[in-house]
Structure formats: C-alpha cells, structure tokens
C-alpha atoms as a PDB file:
ATOM      1  CA  MET A   1      19.408 -20.821  -4.175  1.00  0.00           C
ATOM      2  CA  LEU A   2      16.546 -18.621  -5.439  1.00  0.00           C
ATOM      3  CA  VAL A   3      13.979 -20.514  -7.413  1.00  0.00           C
ATOM      4  CA  ALA A   4      12.532 -18.680 -10.220  1.00  0.00           C
ATOM      5  CA  SER A   5       9.428 -17.031  -9.316  1.00  0.00           C
ATOM      6  CA  PRO A   6       6.133 -17.925 -11.123  1.00  0.00           C
ATOM      7  CA  TRP A   7       4.968 -14.114 -10.527  1.00  0.00           C
ATOM      8  CA  ARG A   8       5.619 -11.287 -12.949  1.00  0.00           C
ATOM      9  CA  SER A   9       5.439  -7.639 -11.684  1.00  0.00           C
ATOM     10  CA  ALA A  10       6.126  -4.360 -12.421  1.00  0.00           C
ATOM     11  CA  ALA A  11       6.208  -1.387 -10.330  1.00  0.00           C
ATOM     12  CA  ARG A  12       6.102   2.676 -10.768  1.00  0.00           C
ATOM     13  CA  THR A  13       5.851   5.745  -8.785  1.00  0.00           C
ATOM     14  CA  ASP A  14       5.229   9.460  -9.875  1.00  0.00           C
ATOM     15  CA  PRO A  15       5.241  12.502  -7.844  1.00  0.00           C
ATOM     16  CA  GLY A  16       2.154  13.849  -9.857  1.00  0.00           C
ATOM     17  CA  LYS A  17       1.491  17.194 -11.306  1.00  0.00           C
ATOM     18  CA  VAL A  18       1.433  19.036  -8.003  1.00  0.00           C
ATOM     19  CA  ARG A  19       3.863  17.810  -5.229  1.00  0.00           C
ATOM     20  CA  ALA A  20       7.457  18.914  -5.650  1.00  0.00           C
ATOM     21  CA  ARG A  21       8.395  15.877  -3.376  1.00  0.00           C
ATOM     22  CA  ASN A  22       7.641  12.112  -3.840  1.00  0.00           C
ATOM     23  CA  GLU A  23       6.909  10.628  -0.636  1.00  0.00           C
ATOM     24  CA  ASP A  24       5.815   7.560  -1.587  1.00  0.00           C
ATOM     25  CA  ALA A  25       8.050   4.396  -1.719  1.00  0.00           C
ATOM     26  CA  PHE A  26       8.064   0.493  -3.194  1.00  0.00           C
ATOM     27  CA  LEU A  27       9.232  -2.360  -3.164  1.00  0.00           C
ATOM     28  CA  ASP A  28       9.222  -5.104  -6.137  1.00  0.00           C
ATOM     29  CA  ALA A  29      10.739  -8.206  -5.073  1.00  0.00           C
ATOM     30  CA  PRO A  30       9.085 -11.117  -7.210  1.00  0.00           C
ATOM     31  CA  GLN A  31      12.198 -13.459  -6.644  1.00  0.00           C
ATOM     32  CA  HIS A  32      11.019 -13.280  -2.345  1.00  0.00           C
ATOM     33  CA  GLY A  33       7.279 -13.130  -3.491  1.00  0.00           C
ATOM     34  CA  LEU A  34       7.111  -9.611  -1.727  1.00  0.00           C
ATOM     35  CA  TRP A  35       5.863  -6.511  -2.469  1.00  0.00           C
ATOM     36  CA  VAL A  36       5.294  -3.511  -0.903  1.00  0.00           C
ATOM     37  CA  VAL A  37       3.711   0.224  -1.435  1.00  0.00           C
ATOM     38  CA  ALA A  38       4.164   2.920   1.355  1.00  0.00           C
ATOM     39  CA  ASP A  39       2.731   6.823   1.362  1.00  0.00           C
ATOM     40  CA  GLY A  40       4.432   8.805   3.586  1.00  0.00           C
ATOM     41  CA  MET A  41       1.833  11.140   5.264  1.00  0.00           C
ATOM     42  CA  GLY A  42       1.735  14.540   3.568  1.00  0.00           C
ATOM     43  CA  GLY A  43       2.062  17.336   5.367  1.00  0.00           C
ATOM     44  CA  HIS A  44       4.154  15.899   8.449  1.00  0.00           C
ATOM     45  CA  GLN A  45       7.861  15.645   8.923  1.00  0.00           C
ATOM     46  CA  GLY A  46       9.711  13.009   7.520  1.00  0.00           C
ATOM     47  CA  GLY A  47       6.900  11.352   5.349  1.00  0.00           C
ATOM     48  CA  ASP A  48       9.339  10.264   2.625  1.00  0.00           C
ATOM     49  CA  ILE A  49      11.596   8.939   5.342  1.00  0.00           C
ATOM     50  CA  ALA A  50       9.152   6.944   6.841  1.00  0.00           C
ATOM     51  CA  SER A  51       8.076   5.346   3.572  1.00  0.00           C
ATOM     52  CA  GLN A  52      11.670   4.789   2.832  1.00  0.00           C
ATOM     53  CA  LEU A  53      12.488   3.082   5.995  1.00  0.00           C
ATOM     54  CA  ILE A  54       9.240   0.732   5.808  1.00  0.00           C
ATOM     55  CA  VAL A  55      10.460  -0.412   2.372  1.00  0.00           C
ATOM     56  CA  ALA A  56      14.427  -0.732   2.945  1.00  0.00           C
ATOM     57  CA  SER A  57      13.329  -2.910   6.239  1.00  0.00           C
ATOM     58  CA  LEU A  58      10.842  -5.123   4.500  1.00  0.00           C
ATOM     59  CA  ALA A  59      13.521  -5.955   1.931  1.00  0.00           C
ATOM     60  CA  GLU A  60      16.391  -7.038   4.836  1.00  0.00           C
ATOM     61  CA  LEU A  61      14.194  -9.609   5.918  1.00  0.00           C
ATOM     62  CA  PRO A  62      15.350 -12.881   5.887  1.00  0.00           C
ATOM     63  CA  VAL A  63      13.522 -15.230   3.329  1.00  0.00           C
ATOM     64  CA  GLN A  64      12.439 -18.568   5.455  1.00  0.00           C
ATOM     65  CA  GLU A  65      10.640 -20.947   3.593  1.00  0.00           C
ATOM     66  CA  ASP A  66       8.155 -21.077   6.539  1.00  0.00           C
ATOM     67  CA  PHE A  67       5.181 -18.928   5.164  1.00  0.00           C
ATOM     68  CA  ASP A  68       3.486 -18.256   8.374  1.00  0.00           C
ATOM     69  CA  GLU A  69       7.121 -17.653   9.771  1.00  0.00           C
ATOM     70  CA  ARG A  70       7.514 -14.797   6.999  1.00  0.00           C
ATOM     71  CA  LEU A  71       4.228 -13.062   7.814  1.00  0.00           C
ATOM     72  CA  LYS A  72       5.187 -12.912  11.602  1.00  0.00           C
ATOM     73  CA  GLY A  73       8.196 -11.398  10.482  1.00  0.00           C
ATOM     74  CA  ILE A  74       6.747  -8.742   8.308  1.00  0.00           C
ATOM     75  CA  ARG A  75       4.308  -7.721  11.136  1.00  0.00           C
ATOM     76  CA  GLN A  76       7.262  -7.596  14.045  1.00  0.00           C
ATOM     77  CA  CYS A  77       9.085  -5.711  11.365  1.00  0.00           C
ATOM     78  CA  LEU A  78       6.451  -3.121  10.932  1.00  0.00           C
ATOM     79  CA  HIS A  79       5.943  -2.768  14.721  1.00  0.00           C
ATOM     80  CA  TRP A  80       9.439  -2.321  15.431  1.00  0.00           C
ATOM     81  CA  ILE A  81       9.500   0.640  12.887  1.00  0.00           C
ATOM     82  CA  ASN A  82       6.155   2.019  14.311  1.00  0.00           C
ATOM     83  CA  ARG A  83       8.124   2.679  17.853  1.00  0.00           C
ATOM     84  CA  ARG A  84      11.682   3.561  15.788  1.00  0.00           C
ATOM     85  CA  LEU A  85       9.591   6.395  14.228  1.00  0.00           C
ATOM     86  CA  GLY A  86       8.000   7.670  17.467  1.00  0.00           C
ATOM     87  CA  GLN A  87      11.607   7.485  19.025  1.00  0.00           C
ATOM     88  CA  GLU A  88      13.652   9.110  16.614  1.00  0.00           C
ATOM     89  CA  LEU A  89      10.942  12.255  16.239  1.00  0.00           C
ATOM     90  CA  THR A  90      11.042  12.898  19.848  1.00  0.00           C
ATOM     91  CA  VAL A  91      15.002  12.978  19.572  1.00  0.00           C
ATOM     92  CA  THR A  92      15.171  14.816  16.226  1.00  0.00           C
ATOM     93  CA  ALA A  93      12.160  16.984  17.299  1.00  0.00           C
ATOM     94  CA  GLY A  94      11.382  16.970  20.742  1.00  0.00           C
ATOM     95  CA  ARG A  95       7.713  17.050  20.386  1.00  0.00           C
ATOM     96  CA  HIS A  96       4.874  14.682  20.738  1.00  0.00           C
ATOM     97  CA  ASP A  97       2.446  16.834  18.772  1.00  0.00           C
ATOM     98  CA  SER A  98       4.141  15.926  15.509  1.00  0.00           C
ATOM     99  CA  ILE A  99       3.970  12.911  13.479  1.00  0.00           C
ATOM    100  CA  MET A 100       6.453  10.738  11.390  1.00  0.00           C
ATOM    101  CA  GLY A 101       4.211   8.386   9.526  1.00  0.00           C
ATOM    102  CA  SER A 102       3.450   6.389   6.089  1.00  0.00           C
ATOM    103  CA  THR A 103       0.657   3.829   5.362  1.00  0.00           C
ATOM    104  CA  VAL A 104       1.873   0.118   4.161  1.00  0.00           C
ATOM    105  CA  VAL A 105       0.275  -2.213   2.300  1.00  0.00           C
ATOM    106  CA  ALA A 106       2.204  -5.479   1.488  1.00  0.00           C
ATOM    107  CA  LEU A 107       1.416  -8.874  -0.358  1.00  0.00           C
ATOM    108  CA  LEU A 108       3.388 -11.896   0.451  1.00  0.00           C
ATOM    109  CA  VAL A 109       2.900 -14.946  -1.676  1.00  0.00           C
ATOM    110  CA  GLU A 110       4.401 -18.484  -1.664  1.00  0.00           C
ATOM    111  CA  GLY A 111       2.874 -21.428  -3.582  1.00  0.00           C
ATOM    112  CA  SER A 112      -1.105 -21.029  -3.326  1.00  0.00           C
ATOM    113  CA  ARG A 113      -0.805 -19.104   0.078  1.00  0.00           C
ATOM    114  CA  ALA A 114      -1.040 -14.942   0.069  1.00  0.00           C
ATOM    115  CA  ALA A 115      -1.509 -12.224   2.686  1.00  0.00           C
ATOM    116  CA  CYS A 116      -2.047  -8.808   2.798  1.00  0.00           C
ATOM    117  CA  ILE A 117      -1.072  -6.918   5.792  1.00  0.00           C
ATOM    118  CA  TRP A 118      -1.797  -2.800   6.137  1.00  0.00           C
ATOM    119  CA  ALA A 119      -2.329   0.390   7.716  1.00  0.00           C
ATOM    120  CA  GLY A 120      -3.870   2.760   6.351  1.00  0.00           C
ATOM    121  CA  ASP A 121      -5.427   3.537   3.082  1.00  0.00           C
ATOM    122  CA  SER A 122      -2.693   2.463   0.495  1.00  0.00           C
ATOM    123  CA  ARG A 123      -4.926  -0.523  -1.107  1.00  0.00           C
ATOM    124  CA  CYS A 124      -4.765  -4.224  -2.283  1.00  0.00           C
ATOM    125  CA  TYR A 125      -6.795  -5.090  -5.396  1.00  0.00           C
ATOM    126  CA  MET A 126      -7.538  -8.340  -7.106  1.00  0.00           C
ATOM    127  CA  TRP A 127      -8.393  -9.454 -10.279  1.00  0.00           C
ATOM    128  CA  ARG A 128      -9.910 -12.567 -10.678  1.00  0.00           C
ATOM    129  CA  GLY A 129     -12.661 -13.976 -13.048  1.00  0.00           C
ATOM    130  CA  GLN A 130     -13.608 -10.428 -14.906  1.00  0.00           C
ATOM    131  CA  ARG A 131     -14.057  -9.292 -11.908  1.00  0.00           C
ATOM    132  CA  LEU A 132     -12.463  -6.580  -9.472  1.00  0.00           C
ATOM    133  CA  TYR A 133     -11.856  -7.080  -5.772  1.00  0.00           C
ATOM    134  CA  GLN A 134     -10.636  -4.588  -3.070  1.00  0.00           C
ATOM    135  CA  LEU A 135      -9.075  -6.842  -0.901  1.00  0.00           C
ATOM    136  CA  SER A 136      -8.001  -4.055   1.905  1.00  0.00           C
ATOM    137  CA  LYS A 137     -10.453  -1.841   4.019  1.00  0.00           C
ATOM    138  CA  ASP A 138      -9.103   1.976   4.236  1.00  0.00           C
ATOM    139  CA  HIS A 139      -8.047   3.018   7.701  1.00  0.00           C
ATOM    140  CA  SER A 140      -9.495   6.325   6.977  1.00  0.00           C
ATOM    141  CA  LEU A 141     -12.229   8.910   8.837  1.00  0.00           C
ATOM    142  CA  GLN A 142     -14.263   8.419   5.421  1.00  0.00           C
ATOM    143  CA  GLN A 143     -14.531   4.835   5.703  1.00  0.00           C
ATOM    144  CA  GLN A 144     -15.058   5.255   9.733  1.00  0.00           C
ATOM    145  CA  LEU A 145     -18.428   7.135   8.841  1.00  0.00           C
ATOM    146  CA  ILE A 146     -19.317   4.776   6.549  1.00  0.00           C
ATOM    147  CA  ASP A 147     -18.756   1.796   9.011  1.00  0.00           C
ATOM    148  CA  GLU A 148     -20.269   3.598  12.371  1.00  0.00           C
ATOM    149  CA  GLN A 149     -22.348   5.942  11.185  1.00  0.00           C
ATOM    150  CA  ASN A 150     -23.632   4.515   7.759  1.00  0.00           C
ATOM    151  CA  MET A 151     -23.196   7.454   6.363  1.00  0.00           C
ATOM    152  CA  SER A 152     -23.321   7.122   2.511  1.00  0.00           C
ATOM    153  CA  VAL A 153     -20.195   6.923   0.474  1.00  0.00           C
ATOM    154  CA  GLU A 154     -20.873  10.396  -1.323  1.00  0.00           C
ATOM    155  CA  ASP A 155     -21.681  11.799   2.278  1.00  0.00           C
ATOM    156  CA  ALA A 156     -18.529  10.425   3.797  1.00  0.00           C
ATOM    157  CA  ARG A 157     -16.398  11.430   1.171  1.00  0.00           C
ATOM    158  CA  ALA A 158     -17.891  15.155   1.315  1.00  0.00           C
ATOM    159  CA  HIS A 159     -16.495  15.242   4.583  1.00  0.00           C
ATOM    160  CA  PRO A 160     -14.034  17.864   4.918  1.00  0.00           C
ATOM    161  CA  SER A 161     -11.444  15.410   7.106  1.00  0.00           C
ATOM    162  CA  ALA A 162     -12.588  12.479   4.787  1.00  0.00           C
ATOM    163  CA  HIS A 163      -9.078  11.535   3.787  1.00  0.00           C
ATOM    164  CA  ALA A 164      -7.784  11.398   7.560  1.00  0.00           C
ATOM    165  CA  LEU A 165      -6.064   8.655   8.208  1.00  0.00           C
ATOM    166  CA  THR A 166      -7.118   6.537  11.417  1.00  0.00           C
ATOM    167  CA  ARG A 167      -3.987   4.228  11.471  1.00  0.00           C
ATOM    168  CA  ALA A 168      -0.830   4.414  10.103  1.00  0.00           C
ATOM    169  CA  VAL A 169       2.833   3.574  10.372  1.00  0.00           C
ATOM    170  CA  GLY A 170       4.449   5.902  13.050  1.00  0.00           C
ATOM    171  CA  ALA A 171       1.090   7.441  13.752  1.00  0.00           C
ATOM    172  CA  ALA A 172       0.288   6.262  17.226  1.00  0.00           C
ATOM    173  CA  ASP A 173       2.428   4.411  19.851  1.00  0.00           C
ATOM    174  CA  VAL A 174       0.402   0.962  19.301  1.00  0.00           C
ATOM    175  CA  LEU A 175       0.001  -0.099  15.435  1.00  0.00           C
ATOM    176  CA  THR A 176      -2.830  -2.176  14.662  1.00  0.00           C
ATOM    177  CA  LEU A 177      -2.671  -3.867  11.459  1.00  0.00           C
ATOM    178  CA  ASP A 178      -5.019  -5.667   9.219  1.00  0.00           C
ATOM    179  CA  VAL A 179      -3.859  -9.076   7.724  1.00  0.00           C
ATOM    180  CA  LEU A 180      -6.059 -11.094   4.990  1.00  0.00           C
ATOM    181  CA  GLU A 181      -4.936 -14.299   3.934  1.00  0.00           C
ATOM    182  CA  LEU A 182      -6.643 -15.994   1.023  1.00  0.00           C
ATOM    183  CA  GLU A 183      -5.920 -18.850  -1.803  1.00  0.00           C
ATOM    184  CA  VAL A 184      -4.190 -17.673  -4.939  1.00  0.00           C
ATOM    185  CA  TYR A 185      -4.995 -19.391  -8.155  1.00  0.00           C
ATOM    186  CA  PRO A 186      -3.426 -19.101 -11.814  1.00  0.00           C
ATOM    187  CA  GLY A 187      -4.403 -16.069 -13.639  1.00  0.00           C
ATOM    188  CA  ASP A 188      -4.950 -13.946 -10.267  1.00  0.00           C
ATOM    189  CA  THR A 189      -3.721 -10.252 -10.683  1.00  0.00           C
ATOM    190  CA  PHE A 190      -2.667  -8.037  -7.882  1.00  0.00           C
ATOM    191  CA  LEU A 191      -2.514  -4.294  -7.425  1.00  0.00           C
ATOM    192  CA  LEU A 192      -0.774  -2.300  -4.712  1.00  0.00           C
ATOM    193  CA  CYS A 193      -1.190   1.092  -4.870  1.00  0.00           C
ATOM    194  CA  SER A 194      -1.349   4.576  -2.950  1.00  0.00           C
ATOM    195  CA  ASP A 195      -4.283   6.784  -2.681  1.00  0.00           C
ATOM    196  CA  GLY A 196      -3.193   9.266  -5.068  1.00  0.00           C
ATOM    197  CA  LEU A 197      -3.554   6.240  -8.090  1.00  0.00           C
ATOM    198  CA  TYR A 198      -6.707   4.937  -7.243  1.00  0.00           C
ATOM    199  CA  GLN A 199      -8.423   8.475  -6.515  1.00  0.00           C
ATOM    200  CA  GLY A 200      -7.979   9.587 -10.118  1.00  0.00           C
ATOM    201  CA  LEU A 201      -9.570   6.361 -11.378  1.00  0.00           C
ATOM    202  CA  SER A 202     -12.675   4.622 -11.538  1.00  0.00           C
ATOM    203  CA  SER A 203     -13.110   0.725 -10.663  1.00  0.00           C
ATOM    204  CA  ASP A 204     -13.789   0.074 -14.350  1.00  0.00           C
ATOM    205  CA  ALA A 205     -10.905   1.602 -15.316  1.00  0.00           C
ATOM    206  CA  LEU A 206      -8.940   0.283 -12.596  1.00  0.00           C
ATOM    207  CA  GLY A 207     -10.210  -3.595 -13.806  1.00  0.00           C
ATOM    208  CA  ASN A 208      -9.623  -2.701 -17.526  1.00  0.00           C
ATOM    209  CA  ALA A 209      -5.876  -2.212 -16.874  1.00  0.00           C
ATOM    210  CA  LEU A 210      -5.823  -5.297 -14.784  1.00  0.00           C
ATOM    211  CA  SER A 211      -7.082  -7.284 -17.255  1.00  0.00           C
ATOM    212  CA  LEU A 212      -4.448  -7.085 -19.460  1.00  0.00           C
ATOM    213  CA  THR A 213      -1.708 -10.016 -19.647  1.00  0.00           C
ATOM    214  CA  ALA A 214       1.502  -8.212 -19.175  1.00  0.00           C
ATOM    215  CA  PRO A 215       2.062  -6.223 -15.786  1.00  0.00           C
ATOM    216  CA  HIS A 216       4.252  -3.708 -17.349  1.00  0.00           C
ATOM    217  CA  VAL A 217       1.243  -2.646 -19.872  1.00  0.00           C
ATOM    218  CA  ALA A 218      -1.108  -2.886 -17.268  1.00  0.00           C
ATOM    219  CA  LEU A 219       0.856  -0.424 -15.097  1.00  0.00           C
ATOM    220  CA  GLU A 220       1.064   2.128 -17.968  1.00  0.00           C
ATOM    221  CA  ARG A 221      -2.425   1.904 -18.676  1.00  0.00           C
ATOM    222  CA  LEU A 222      -3.189   3.026 -14.858  1.00  0.00           C
ATOM    223  CA  PHE A 223      -0.617   5.790 -14.844  1.00  0.00           C
ATOM    224  CA  ASP A 224      -1.691   7.188 -18.260  1.00  0.00           C
ATOM    225  CA  GLY A 225      -5.240   7.456 -16.815  1.00  0.00           C
ATOM    226  CA  ALA A 226      -4.198   8.897 -13.588  1.00  0.00           C
ATOM    227  CA  LEU A 227      -1.993  11.175 -15.006  1.00  0.00           C
ATOM    228  CA  ARG A 228      -4.319  12.519 -17.369  1.00  0.00           C
ATOM    229  CA  GLY A 229      -6.505  13.421 -14.711  1.00  0.00           C
ATOM    230  CA  SER A 230      -5.721  15.903 -11.497  1.00  0.00           C
ATOM    231  CA  ALA A 231      -2.589  14.074 -10.230  1.00  0.00           C
ATOM    232  CA  ARG A 232      -2.678  16.261  -7.103  1.00  0.00           C
ATOM    233  CA  ASP A 233      -0.871  13.548  -4.766  1.00  0.00           C
ATOM    234  CA  ASN A 234       1.906  11.351  -5.495  1.00  0.00           C
ATOM    235  CA  LEU A 235       1.263   8.356  -7.538  1.00  0.00           C
ATOM    236  CA  THR A 236       2.356   4.596  -6.828  1.00  0.00           C
ATOM    237  CA  ALA A 237       1.435   1.116  -7.980  1.00  0.00           C
ATOM    238  CA  VAL A 238       2.690  -2.358  -8.098  1.00  0.00           C
ATOM    239  CA  VAL A 239       1.064  -5.133 -10.632  1.00  0.00           C
ATOM    240  CA  ILE A 240       1.642  -8.470  -9.804  1.00  0.00           C
ATOM    241  CA  ARG A 241       0.526 -11.383 -12.003  1.00  0.00           C
ATOM    242  CA  GLN A 242       0.964 -15.379 -12.109  1.00  0.00           C
END
C-alpha cells in the first residue's frame, strides 16, 4: 500500500528554440521518493533513446523499504544500462567510434535521508535557509580544467570544448557514478535540471524561483526565464519540495 508522500513536485521539459528534437527525459515519482533528469548526448545517435531508457528503467525498480538497498538498486540499474547501451550500439551500428549516451541526475528521498546520484553535467541544486547550494559537480571538461589546472571559471568556460562531458551513461565501458548522501529538513527544496536550463539562468534567478512555495509556480518561473533567453538546448527541470 502506498503511503502519501510528504514531498510535492512538478516537472517539465521543452525542446527550446533551436533544436527540433527533445533528447531530455524526466521521472517525477513523489509517491516513490524518486526523481530523475536525463539529457541525451546531442550530436550522437540515439540520445533520446538513451535518456528514455534511463527514466523507464529507474521507474520500474521495486520500491523496497530499506534506503540503502534502493540506492544500491539505482546504481546497479545505471551500470546495467551503461552496458546495454554499449551492446546495442555495437549491434545496430556495428562500430565502436560512436556513442549512444545520456547524462543522469537522480534524487532518492526516504524519511530524513536523501541521496543524489549523477554522471554528466545535469545538476542537482538545493534551496535551504534562503541559500542555493549546487549539490552535484559537473563531469565536464570545463570543471576538469578548473579542478586540475586551476583555471578560472571564465577561462575554462571560454575553452572551445568546455561543454564536452567526461562522464555519461553509455560513454565508456565502465561507468563511474558520484553519490552524495545528506539529511533533509522541512522546507528543503530541490531542483534537478539539464544544462539547457541552468546555462540560461543566473544563480540568483535559480534561487529566486526555488524560494517560491509551490513547485509548479517555481517551475513556471524557471522556464519563463530560460525561454526569454536563447534556449539553444533542450530544457528540463524537476522541482521537489517538502
């Protein structure tokens, strides 16, 4: 029997102003305490197939009572998808120099425990105590240049391959996931989003939207702001609030 979730959420995706196809996908399942955003890798074959496979597979996971077992199941599922994408590409394309992949960022909540799981540059933010925190850290060349070469954010962002991913589901034989576990408090608000959304908005704009009480109102504010800009990429966001 399902127990009413203390979490409310709202989700939306939009192709943006330039791309004809939307390769983003999301899962909005407050009744299971699970939310996901996946961004198919643009320019590669099957980006939309990869993102939809991630969302559909995670949606089918059994809802176990033990938080640690659920977290383990999510990680195992993503590793399985990583292997499957590599196998499918070999069968359908017969070549190893192509990629069928997707970023993923997932939020699992059970009681006062939460975990953010990700690979790629889709992000998880948290709004707490009138402050915005970026919980995930991008797996991108830009972030790598900042971390390993002490480059400034401005110089790293100007690199011609700044947005190239260093990790994604389906991008390599072995998938490495990052996991951040945390305790949640009443009033916490989370945002999962693809890079198409956050690249068009300042931190202040993100925080101002997440400060709004109702998830669907916050979501509308985010998309209104992003779509006023160039919106060159697909936009996807899920807002989750206790």
